Amino acid sequence: MYENRPQKLAPVKMGDEIDVKIEAIGEKGDGIAKVDGYVIIVPKTQKGQKVKIKINAIRGKVSFGEVIESLGEA
């Protein structure tokens, strides 16, 4: 049923450095940011925080980033 649907590519690449806003906190306490609807998990962040992150893993429908600079609160 879904075999012919094209895979949507992630809007980020390994090593990208981007500014994001943490929109929510996940079940395990990690921050969740989104880029064009694509989920990025960012550990050690709080909801409303603005941070510069570096993408260090891409796993299908989600990516993982690490904070390289805090940009303050929203």
Protein backbone atom coordinates (compact mmCIF):
# COMPACT_ATOMS: atom_id res chain seq x y z
CA MET A 1 0.00 0.00 0.00
CA TYR A 2 2.78 2.42 0.88
CA GLU A 3 5.54 0.95 -1.30
CA ASN A 4 5.18 3.54 -4.06
CA ARG A 5 5.13 6.56 -1.76
CA PRO A 6 8.42 8.47 -2.09
CA GLN A 7 10.47 8.79 1.08
CA LYS A 8 10.58 12.34 2.35
CA LEU A 9 14.17 13.36 2.86
CA ALA A 10 15.22 14.90 6.15
CA PRO A 11 15.61 18.69 5.89
CA VAL A 12 18.88 18.40 7.86
CA LYS A 13 22.18 16.63 7.24
CA MET A 14 24.80 15.16 9.54
CA GLY A 15 26.96 17.94 10.94
CA ASP A 16 24.50 20.75 10.15
CA GLU A 17 24.52 23.58 12.69
CA ILE A 18 21.10 25.21 13.02
CA ASP A 19 19.18 27.47 15.40
CA VAL A 20 16.02 25.90 16.83
CA LYS A 21 13.40 26.50 19.50
CA ILE A 22 12.55 23.63 21.84
CA GLU A 23 8.79 23.20 21.34
CA ALA A 24 8.12 20.36 23.76
CA ILE A 25 9.66 17.81 26.11
CA GLY A 26 9.49 14.12 25.19
CA GLU A 27 8.66 11.14 27.38
CA LYS A 28 12.30 10.65 28.37
CA GLY A 29 12.84 14.32 29.22
CA ASP A 30 14.64 15.34 26.03
CA GLY A 31 13.75 18.51 24.17
CA ILE A 32 11.90 18.32 20.88
CA ALA A 33 12.45 20.84 18.09
CA LYS A 34 11.01 20.77 14.58
CA VAL A 35 12.32 21.91 11.21
CA ASP A 36 9.66 21.90 8.49
CA GLY A 37 7.67 19.43 10.62
CA TYR A 38 10.69 17.11 10.98
CA VAL A 39 11.44 16.12 14.58
CA ILE A 40 14.84 16.73 16.14
CA ILE A 41 15.54 15.36 19.63
CA VAL A 42 17.83 17.60 21.70
CA PRO A 43 18.89 16.29 25.14
CA LYS A 44 19.52 18.59 28.10
CA THR A 45 17.16 21.35 26.97
CA GLN A 46 13.97 22.92 28.30
CA LYS A 47 10.72 23.90 26.59
CA GLY A 48 10.92 27.44 25.18
CA GLN A 49 14.71 27.46 25.05
CA LYS A 50 16.44 28.69 21.88
CA VAL A 51 19.66 26.87 21.03
CA LYS A 52 22.17 26.37 18.24
CA ILE A 53 22.54 22.63 17.68
CA LYS A 54 24.73 20.32 15.67
CA ILE A 55 23.01 17.33 14.04
CA ASN A 56 24.87 14.20 15.15
CA ALA A 57 22.50 11.38 14.10
CA ILE A 58 19.69 10.86 11.61
CA ARG A 59 17.35 7.92 12.21
CA GLY A 60 14.57 7.82 9.64
CA LYS A 61 11.76 10.10 10.82
CA VAL A 62 13.83 11.80 13.55
CA SER A 63 17.26 13.32 14.04
CA PHE A 64 19.32 13.92 17.14
CA GLY A 65 21.24 17.08 17.90
CA GLU A 66 23.56 18.37 20.59
CA VAL A 67 23.56 21.90 21.96
CA ILE A 68 26.61 23.91 20.94
CA GLU A 69 25.30 27.30 22.09
CA SER A 70 22.40 28.58 24.16
CA LEU A 71 20.58 31.48 22.52
CA GLY A 72 18.32 32.27 25.48
CA GLU A 73 14.65 31.86 26.20
CA ALA A 74 11.80 32.44 23.79
